Amino acid sequence: MLTNHPLKAVFWDFDGTLADTRERNLNVNRRIVEEVTGRPWSEVAGLTSVEAYVAAWNHVSNWQQLYTKSFGLTEEQCATAGQRWAAFQLNDTTPVPLLAEIEDTLKRLRKFPQAVVSQNERATIAQILKENHVDHYFTAIVGYAEVPLDRQKPAPDGLLRALDIVGIEEPATALYIGDHETDILCSVNTNRDLVAMGRDCRFLSVAAFYLNGNRGSEWSATPDYRVYRPREINQLVDRLCVRNI
């Protein structure tokens, strides 16, 4: 996506992009699957280890597909699982640290409005950001419950909602940073809808490859930029700002 508009905001995915939620999400999903299906989690391949869980996520687009395609839940069980997520997350005490260099990266980007658009739950994200003392950097948090269940990423609804909350003046460019193919597709779909609405704002997609090593060679959409450490995001922003002077 080519754009000559000035950079005015930075939007983030959450899991695997800002924070290392793998252990907690695995533990929560183990509890959910056992409660909803009555089966022990050890019978579900994607729940046997952190590595298996990450691999399962890398083969689906959203949390509904994770439950149905990877964990074998029915559509009805999937809906029930979604209702359990928030309570189980907030009751789980597994520590969730920020990823290395993220705190410094957020601090250096503080002149820009920043927002989170995630398939995790809004209150959970807010709690983790607060526990890590970085919640003050974010203008908006949009989780899975803020958009219809059939409009989760890669649909553009969450990113469009966050854009309206942040309220940047157009014309504008914004970054959307994420670690999954779905995040890149979300940027593509959001740009398509922005064009259709006649809005003068575009998203540049940034693939964050600093956690799971996925290089995106099999992705159906190509990110505008790739970063392998969070500090590279600051370098990218510096280049974009110089370009638009």
C-alpha atoms as a PDB file:
ATOM      1  CA  MET A   1       0.000   0.000   0.000  1.00  0.00           C
ATOM      2  CA  LEU A   2       1.659   3.208  -1.197  1.00  0.00           C
ATOM      3  CA  THR A   3       0.722   6.399   0.616  1.00  0.00           C
ATOM      4  CA  ASN A   4       2.233   9.862   0.803  1.00  0.00           C
ATOM      5  CA  HIS A   5       0.044  10.914   3.701  1.00  0.00           C
ATOM      6  CA  PRO A   6       1.772  11.784   6.991  1.00  0.00           C
ATOM      7  CA  LEU A   7       2.008   9.097   9.654  1.00  0.00           C
ATOM      8  CA  LYS A   8      -0.435   9.991  12.416  1.00  0.00           C
ATOM      9  CA  ALA A   9      -1.139   6.850  14.498  1.00  0.00           C
ATOM     10  CA  VAL A  10       0.159   3.404  15.412  1.00  0.00           C
ATOM     11  CA  PHE A  11      -2.191   0.445  15.916  1.00  0.00           C
ATOM     12  CA  TRP A  12      -1.139  -2.867  17.444  1.00  0.00           C
ATOM     13  CA  ASP A  13      -2.287  -6.437  17.619  1.00  0.00           C
ATOM     14  CA  PHE A  14      -1.816  -7.720  21.185  1.00  0.00           C
ATOM     15  CA  ASP A  15      -1.010 -11.423  21.552  1.00  0.00           C
ATOM     16  CA  GLY A  16       2.494 -12.130  20.292  1.00  0.00           C
ATOM     17  CA  THR A  17       2.961  -8.503  19.249  1.00  0.00           C
ATOM     18  CA  LEU A  18       2.906  -6.529  22.489  1.00  0.00           C
ATOM     19  CA  ALA A  19       2.829  -9.287  25.104  1.00  0.00           C
ATOM     20  CA  ASP A  20       3.807 -12.933  25.406  1.00  0.00           C
ATOM     21  CA  THR A  21       0.409 -14.446  26.179  1.00  0.00           C
ATOM     22  CA  ARG A  22       1.192 -17.962  25.007  1.00  0.00           C
ATOM     23  CA  GLU A  23       1.335 -19.639  28.423  1.00  0.00           C
ATOM     24  CA  ARG A  24      -1.799 -17.966  29.778  1.00  0.00           C
ATOM     25  CA  ASN A  25      -3.829 -18.481  26.620  1.00  0.00           C
ATOM     26  CA  LEU A  26      -2.827 -22.132  26.527  1.00  0.00           C
ATOM     27  CA  ASN A  27      -3.874 -22.632  30.149  1.00  0.00           C
ATOM     28  CA  VAL A  28      -7.167 -20.821  29.631  1.00  0.00           C
ATOM     29  CA  ASN A  29      -7.988 -22.802  26.508  1.00  0.00           C
ATOM     30  CA  ARG A  30      -7.221 -26.057  28.263  1.00  0.00           C
ATOM     31  CA  ARG A  31      -9.780 -25.180  30.937  1.00  0.00           C
ATOM     32  CA  ILE A  32     -12.344 -24.002  28.413  1.00  0.00           C
ATOM     33  CA  VAL A  33     -12.081 -27.090  26.210  1.00  0.00           C
ATOM     34  CA  GLU A  34     -12.417 -29.419  29.183  1.00  0.00           C
ATOM     35  CA  GLU A  35     -15.451 -27.567  30.534  1.00  0.00           C
ATOM     36  CA  VAL A  36     -17.227 -27.196  27.207  1.00  0.00           C
ATOM     37  CA  THR A  37     -16.532 -30.639  25.739  1.00  0.00           C
ATOM     38  CA  GLY A  38     -16.018 -32.840  28.786  1.00  0.00           C
ATOM     39  CA  ARG A  39     -12.820 -34.179  27.226  1.00  0.00           C
ATOM     40  CA  PRO A  40      -9.373 -33.926  28.821  1.00  0.00           C
ATOM     41  CA  TRP A  41      -7.235 -31.302  27.117  1.00  0.00           C
ATOM     42  CA  SER A  42      -4.466 -33.873  26.655  1.00  0.00           C
ATOM     43  CA  GLU A  43      -6.563 -35.453  23.885  1.00  0.00           C
ATOM     44  CA  VAL A  44      -6.397 -32.247  21.806  1.00  0.00           C
ATOM     45  CA  ALA A  45      -3.134 -32.031  19.855  1.00  0.00           C
ATOM     46  CA  GLY A  46      -3.126 -28.241  19.747  1.00  0.00           C
ATOM     47  CA  LEU A  47      -3.237 -28.039  23.549  1.00  0.00           C
ATOM     48  CA  THR A  48      -0.392 -30.407  24.407  1.00  0.00           C
ATOM     49  CA  SER A  49       2.341 -27.742  24.485  1.00  0.00           C
ATOM     50  CA  VAL A  50       3.030 -24.087  23.818  1.00  0.00           C
ATOM     51  CA  GLU A  51       4.654 -25.029  20.515  1.00  0.00           C
ATOM     52  CA  ALA A  52       1.617 -27.049  19.448  1.00  0.00           C
ATOM     53  CA  TYR A  53      -0.685 -24.204  20.460  1.00  0.00           C
ATOM     54  CA  VAL A  54       1.273 -21.629  18.421  1.00  0.00           C
ATOM     55  CA  ALA A  55       1.322 -23.982  15.425  1.00  0.00           C
ATOM     56  CA  ALA A  56      -2.459 -24.405  15.673  1.00  0.00           C
ATOM     57  CA  TRP A  57      -2.932 -20.618  15.700  1.00  0.00           C
ATOM     58  CA  ASN A  58      -0.683 -20.201  12.676  1.00  0.00           C
ATOM     59  CA  HIS A  59      -3.019 -22.400  10.620  1.00  0.00           C
ATOM     60  CA  VAL A  60      -6.262 -20.508  11.302  1.00  0.00           C
ATOM     61  CA  SER A  61      -7.554 -16.976  10.798  1.00  0.00           C
ATOM     62  CA  ASN A  62      -9.464 -16.293  14.018  1.00  0.00           C
ATOM     63  CA  TRP A  63     -10.441 -17.719  17.388  1.00  0.00           C
ATOM     64  CA  GLN A  64     -13.616 -19.396  16.082  1.00  0.00           C
ATOM     65  CA  GLN A  65     -11.543 -21.404  13.604  1.00  0.00           C
ATOM     66  CA  LEU A  66      -9.089 -22.250  16.377  1.00  0.00           C
ATOM     67  CA  TYR A  67     -11.887 -23.843  18.376  1.00  0.00           C
ATOM     68  CA  THR A  68     -13.644 -25.586  15.510  1.00  0.00           C
ATOM     69  CA  LYS A  69     -10.804 -26.584  13.170  1.00  0.00           C
ATOM     70  CA  SER A  70      -7.939 -27.062  15.626  1.00  0.00           C
ATOM     71  CA  PHE A  71      -9.728 -28.139  18.817  1.00  0.00           C
ATOM     72  CA  GLY A  72     -12.695 -29.959  17.237  1.00  0.00           C
ATOM     73  CA  LEU A  73     -15.509 -28.005  18.885  1.00  0.00           C
ATOM     74  CA  THR A  74     -18.953 -27.748  17.313  1.00  0.00           C
ATOM     75  CA  GLU A  75     -20.358 -24.335  16.378  1.00  0.00           C
ATOM     76  CA  GLU A  76     -22.524 -24.423  19.507  1.00  0.00           C
ATOM     77  CA  GLN A  77     -19.558 -25.342  21.702  1.00  0.00           C
ATOM     78  CA  CYS A  78     -17.530 -22.587  20.061  1.00  0.00           C
ATOM     79  CA  ALA A  79     -20.140 -20.006  21.045  1.00  0.00           C
ATOM     80  CA  THR A  80     -20.095 -21.289  24.632  1.00  0.00           C
ATOM     81  CA  ALA A  81     -16.294 -21.194  24.668  1.00  0.00           C
ATOM     82  CA  GLY A  82     -16.358 -17.564  23.578  1.00  0.00           C
ATOM     83  CA  GLN A  83     -18.617 -16.732  26.499  1.00  0.00           C
ATOM     84  CA  ARG A  84     -16.168 -18.365  28.937  1.00  0.00           C
ATOM     85  CA  TRP A  85     -13.049 -16.579  27.667  1.00  0.00           C
ATOM     86  CA  ALA A  86     -13.267 -13.301  29.578  1.00  0.00           C
ATOM     87  CA  ALA A  87     -13.980 -14.826  32.990  1.00  0.00           C
ATOM     88  CA  PHE A  88     -11.319 -17.520  32.625  1.00  0.00           C
ATOM     89  CA  GLN A  89      -8.743 -14.953  31.493  1.00  0.00           C
ATOM     90  CA  LEU A  90      -9.378 -12.613  34.394  1.00  0.00           C
ATOM     91  CA  ASN A  91      -9.221 -15.491  36.889  1.00  0.00           C
ATOM     92  CA  ASP A  92      -5.975 -16.924  35.539  1.00  0.00           C
ATOM     93  CA  THR A  93      -2.823 -15.874  37.368  1.00  0.00           C
ATOM     94  CA  THR A  94      -0.263 -16.916  34.752  1.00  0.00           C
ATOM     95  CA  PRO A  95       2.101 -13.935  34.339  1.00  0.00           C
ATOM     96  CA  VAL A  96       1.960 -12.147  30.989  1.00  0.00           C
ATOM     97  CA  PRO A  97       5.135 -10.132  30.344  1.00  0.00           C
ATOM     98  CA  LEU A  98       5.588  -7.545  27.662  1.00  0.00           C
ATOM     99  CA  LEU A  99       7.863  -8.701  24.883  1.00  0.00           C
ATOM    100  CA  ALA A 100      11.469  -7.522  25.005  1.00  0.00           C
ATOM    101  CA  GLU A 101      11.974  -3.879  23.912  1.00  0.00           C
ATOM    102  CA  ILE A 102       8.227  -3.178  23.776  1.00  0.00           C
ATOM    103  CA  GLU A 103       8.130  -0.764  26.703  1.00  0.00           C
ATOM    104  CA  ASP A 104      10.892   1.368  25.230  1.00  0.00           C
ATOM    105  CA  THR A 105       9.277   1.201  21.798  1.00  0.00           C
ATOM    106  CA  LEU A 106       5.938   2.445  23.161  1.00  0.00           C
ATOM    107  CA  LYS A 107       7.677   5.237  25.033  1.00  0.00           C
ATOM    108  CA  ARG A 108       9.485   6.420  21.923  1.00  0.00           C
ATOM    109  CA  LEU A 109       6.196   6.389  19.962  1.00  0.00           C
ATOM    110  CA  ARG A 110       4.300   8.357  22.606  1.00  0.00           C
ATOM    111  CA  LYS A 111       3.847  11.406  20.348  1.00  0.00           C
ATOM    112  CA  PHE A 112       1.468   9.269  18.232  1.00  0.00           C
ATOM    113  CA  PRO A 113      -1.970   8.056  19.295  1.00  0.00           C
ATOM    114  CA  GLN A 114      -1.689   4.301  19.826  1.00  0.00           C
ATOM    115  CA  ALA A 115      -4.422   1.672  19.921  1.00  0.00           C
ATOM    116  CA  VAL A 116      -4.842  -2.089  20.246  1.00  0.00           C
ATOM    117  CA  VAL A 117      -7.046  -4.153  17.916  1.00  0.00           C
ATOM    118  CA  SER A 118      -7.074  -7.771  19.028  1.00  0.00           C
ATOM    119  CA  GLN A 119      -9.035 -10.999  19.159  1.00  0.00           C
ATOM    120  CA  ASN A 120      -8.361 -11.148  22.875  1.00  0.00           C
ATOM    121  CA  GLU A 121     -10.764  -9.618  25.413  1.00  0.00           C
ATOM    122  CA  ARG A 122     -10.683  -5.886  26.071  1.00  0.00           C
ATOM    123  CA  ALA A 123     -10.623  -6.034  29.873  1.00  0.00           C
ATOM    124  CA  THR A 124      -7.878  -8.661  29.816  1.00  0.00           C
ATOM    125  CA  ILE A 125      -5.734  -6.505  27.518  1.00  0.00           C
ATOM    126  CA  ALA A 126      -6.325  -3.429  29.673  1.00  0.00           C
ATOM    127  CA  GLN A 127      -5.382  -5.341  32.828  1.00  0.00           C
ATOM    128  CA  ILE A 128      -2.143  -6.687  31.347  1.00  0.00           C
ATOM    129  CA  LEU A 129      -1.135  -3.290  30.000  1.00  0.00           C
ATOM    130  CA  LYS A 130      -1.822  -1.741  33.410  1.00  0.00           C
ATOM    131  CA  GLU A 131       0.129  -4.432  35.256  1.00  0.00           C
ATOM    132  CA  ASN A 132       3.077  -3.700  32.978  1.00  0.00           C
ATOM    133  CA  HIS A 133       2.686   0.088  33.470  1.00  0.00           C
ATOM    134  CA  VAL A 134       2.150   0.939  29.803  1.00  0.00           C
ATOM    135  CA  ASP A 135      -1.626   1.426  29.678  1.00  0.00           C
ATOM    136  CA  HIS A 136      -1.232   5.227  29.491  1.00  0.00           C
ATOM    137  CA  TYR A 137       0.225   4.967  25.994  1.00  0.00           C
ATOM    138  CA  PHE A 138      -3.058   3.728  24.475  1.00  0.00           C
ATOM    139  CA  THR A 139      -6.015   5.775  23.340  1.00  0.00           C
ATOM    140  CA  ALA A 140      -8.236   2.813  22.438  1.00  0.00           C
ATOM    141  CA  ILE A 141      -8.511  -0.938  22.938  1.00  0.00           C
ATOM    142  CA  VAL A 142     -10.822  -2.963  20.688  1.00  0.00           C
ATOM    143  CA  GLY A 143     -11.213  -6.643  21.531  1.00  0.00           C
ATOM    144  CA  TYR A 144     -13.302  -9.442  20.099  1.00  0.00           C
ATOM    145  CA  ALA A 145     -16.455  -8.414  21.980  1.00  0.00           C
ATOM    146  CA  GLU A 146     -16.478  -4.928  20.437  1.00  0.00           C
ATOM    147  CA  VAL A 147     -17.305  -6.267  16.968  1.00  0.00           C
ATOM    148  CA  PRO A 148     -19.877  -8.862  15.836  1.00  0.00           C
ATOM    149  CA  LEU A 149     -18.734 -12.478  16.151  1.00  0.00           C
ATOM    150  CA  ASP A 150     -18.998 -12.955  12.398  1.00  0.00           C
ATOM    151  CA  ARG A 151     -16.851  -9.861  11.779  1.00  0.00           C
ATOM    152  CA  GLN A 152     -13.668 -10.772  13.614  1.00  0.00           C
ATOM    153  CA  LYS A 153     -10.302 -10.226  11.946  1.00  0.00           C
ATOM    154  CA  PRO A 154      -9.475 -10.396   9.083  1.00  0.00           C
ATOM    155  CA  ALA A 155     -12.698  -8.410   8.630  1.00  0.00           C
ATOM    156  CA  PRO A 156     -11.936  -4.680   8.979  1.00  0.00           C
ATOM    157  CA  ASP A 157     -14.541  -3.857  11.632  1.00  0.00           C
ATOM    158  CA  GLY A 158     -12.218  -3.798  14.637  1.00  0.00           C
ATOM    159  CA  LEU A 159      -9.591  -1.642  12.959  1.00  0.00           C
ATOM    160  CA  LEU A 160     -12.227   0.746  11.611  1.00  0.00           C
ATOM    161  CA  ARG A 161     -13.781   1.037  15.063  1.00  0.00           C
ATOM    162  CA  ALA A 162     -10.422   1.830  16.657  1.00  0.00           C
ATOM    163  CA  LEU A 163      -9.670   4.373  13.931  1.00  0.00           C
ATOM    164  CA  ASP A 164     -12.914   6.201  14.705  1.00  0.00           C
ATOM    165  CA  ILE A 165     -12.189   6.172  18.457  1.00  0.00           C
ATOM    166  CA  VAL A 166      -8.699   7.582  17.950  1.00  0.00           C
ATOM    167  CA  GLY A 167     -10.111  10.197  15.606  1.00  0.00           C
ATOM    168  CA  ILE A 168      -7.016  11.211  13.668  1.00  0.00           C
ATOM    169  CA  GLU A 169      -7.323  14.043  11.177  1.00  0.00           C
ATOM    170  CA  GLU A 170      -7.268  12.984   7.547  1.00  0.00           C
ATOM    171  CA  PRO A 171      -5.395  12.732   5.244  1.00  0.00           C
ATOM    172  CA  ALA A 172      -3.385  10.276   7.277  1.00  0.00           C
ATOM    173  CA  THR A 173      -1.316   7.120   7.295  1.00  0.00           C
ATOM    174  CA  ALA A 174      -1.409   4.664  10.192  1.00  0.00           C
ATOM    175  CA  LEU A 175       0.556   1.522  10.973  1.00  0.00           C
ATOM    176  CA  TYR A 176      -1.030  -1.772  11.952  1.00  0.00           C
ATOM    177  CA  ILE A 177       1.518  -4.100  13.562  1.00  0.00           C
ATOM    178  CA  GLY A 178       0.780  -7.806  14.025  1.00  0.00           C
ATOM    179  CA  ASP A 179       2.389 -11.218  14.089  1.00  0.00           C
ATOM    180  CA  HIS A 180      -0.206 -13.182  12.107  1.00  0.00           C
ATOM    181  CA  GLU A 181      -1.337 -13.372   8.497  1.00  0.00           C
ATOM    182  CA  THR A 182      -4.777 -12.327   9.711  1.00  0.00           C
ATOM    183  CA  ASP A 183      -3.398  -8.955  10.811  1.00  0.00           C
ATOM    184  CA  ILE A 184      -1.985  -8.280   7.356  1.00  0.00           C
ATOM    185  CA  LEU A 185      -5.266  -9.263   5.718  1.00  0.00           C
ATOM    186  CA  CYS A 186      -7.096  -7.026   8.158  1.00  0.00           C
ATOM    187  CA  SER A 187      -5.035  -4.060   6.949  1.00  0.00           C
ATOM    188  CA  VAL A 188      -5.765  -4.957   3.327  1.00  0.00           C
ATOM    189  CA  ASN A 189      -9.509  -5.251   3.994  1.00  0.00           C
ATOM    190  CA  THR A 190      -9.570  -2.026   5.999  1.00  0.00           C
ATOM    191  CA  ASN A 191      -7.884  -0.091   3.186  1.00  0.00           C
ATOM    192  CA  ARG A 192     -10.426  -1.495   0.743  1.00  0.00           C
ATOM    193  CA  ASP A 193     -13.295  -0.248   2.892  1.00  0.00           C
ATOM    194  CA  LEU A 194     -11.669   3.132   3.496  1.00  0.00           C
ATOM    195  CA  VAL A 195     -11.413   3.631  -0.263  1.00  0.00           C
ATOM    196  CA  ALA A 196     -15.053   2.616  -0.693  1.00  0.00           C
ATOM    197  CA  MET A 197     -16.088   5.119   1.995  1.00  0.00           C
ATOM    198  CA  GLY A 198     -14.102   7.887   0.337  1.00  0.00           C
ATOM    199  CA  ARG A 199     -11.918   8.355   3.399  1.00  0.00           C
ATOM    200  CA  ASP A 200      -8.401   9.729   3.001  1.00  0.00           C
ATOM    201  CA  CYS A 201      -6.623   7.349   5.377  1.00  0.00           C
ATOM    202  CA  ARG A 202      -4.548   4.255   4.658  1.00  0.00           C
ATOM    203  CA  PHE A 203      -2.928   1.548   6.778  1.00  0.00           C
ATOM    204  CA  LEU A 204       0.582   0.255   6.272  1.00  0.00           C
ATOM    205  CA  SER A 205       0.883  -3.322   7.533  1.00  0.00           C
ATOM    206  CA  VAL A 206       3.889  -4.343   9.616  1.00  0.00           C
ATOM    207  CA  ALA A 207       4.582  -8.035  10.201  1.00  0.00           C
ATOM    208  CA  ALA A 208       6.170  -8.588  13.613  1.00  0.00           C
ATOM    209  CA  PHE A 209       8.387 -11.648  13.332  1.00  0.00           C
ATOM    210  CA  TYR A 210      10.204 -11.213  16.635  1.00  0.00           C
ATOM    211  CA  LEU A 211       8.502 -13.967  18.647  1.00  0.00           C
ATOM    212  CA  ASN A 212       7.645 -17.145  16.763  1.00  0.00           C
ATOM    213  CA  GLY A 213      10.069 -16.874  13.853  1.00  0.00           C
ATOM    214  CA  ASN A 214       7.337 -17.131  11.205  1.00  0.00           C
ATOM    215  CA  ARG A 215       8.600 -15.414   8.066  1.00  0.00           C
ATOM    216  CA  GLY A 216       5.265 -15.372   6.275  1.00  0.00           C
ATOM    217  CA  SER A 217       6.465 -17.060   3.109  1.00  0.00           C
ATOM    218  CA  GLU A 218       3.124 -18.876   2.712  1.00  0.00           C
ATOM    219  CA  TRP A 219       0.884 -15.937   3.595  1.00  0.00           C
ATOM    220  CA  SER A 220      -1.731 -14.924   1.061  1.00  0.00           C
ATOM    221  CA  ALA A 221      -1.021 -11.231   1.677  1.00  0.00           C
ATOM    222  CA  THR A 222       2.377  -9.546   1.677  1.00  0.00           C
ATOM    223  CA  PRO A 223       3.068  -7.096   4.516  1.00  0.00           C
ATOM    224  CA  ASP A 224       4.272  -3.628   3.635  1.00  0.00           C
ATOM    225  CA  TYR A 225       7.108  -3.999   6.144  1.00  0.00           C
ATOM    226  CA  ARG A 226       8.717  -6.703   8.265  1.00  0.00           C
ATOM    227  CA  VAL A 227      10.367  -6.215  11.649  1.00  0.00           C
ATOM    228  CA  TYR A 228      12.382  -8.747  13.607  1.00  0.00           C
ATOM    229  CA  ARG A 229      12.805  -6.749  16.814  1.00  0.00           C
ATOM    230  CA  PRO A 230      10.482  -4.135  18.311  1.00  0.00           C
ATOM    231  CA  ARG A 231      13.183  -1.463  18.131  1.00  0.00           C
ATOM    232  CA  GLU A 232      12.974  -1.753  14.330  1.00  0.00           C
ATOM    233  CA  ILE A 233       9.478  -0.268  14.566  1.00  0.00           C
ATOM    234  CA  ASN A 234      10.969   2.971  15.855  1.00  0.00           C
ATOM    235  CA  GLN A 235      13.472   2.955  13.010  1.00  0.00           C
ATOM    236  CA  LEU A 236      10.656   2.407  10.520  1.00  0.00           C
ATOM    237  CA  VAL A 237       8.640   5.266  11.990  1.00  0.00           C
ATOM    238  CA  ASP A 238      11.660   7.559  11.814  1.00  0.00           C
ATOM    239  CA  ARG A 239      12.121   6.744   8.108  1.00  0.00           C
ATOM    240  CA  LEU A 240       8.444   7.307   7.342  1.00  0.00           C
ATOM    241  CA  CYS A 241       8.419  10.641   9.155  1.00  0.00           C
ATOM    242  CA  VAL A 242      11.538  11.846   7.319  1.00  0.00           C
ATOM    243  CA  ARG A 243       9.991  10.805   4.022  1.00  0.00           C
ATOM    244  CA  ASN A 244       6.913  12.927   4.708  1.00  0.00           C
ATOM    245  CA  ILE A 245       8.738  16.094   5.727  1.00  0.00           C
END
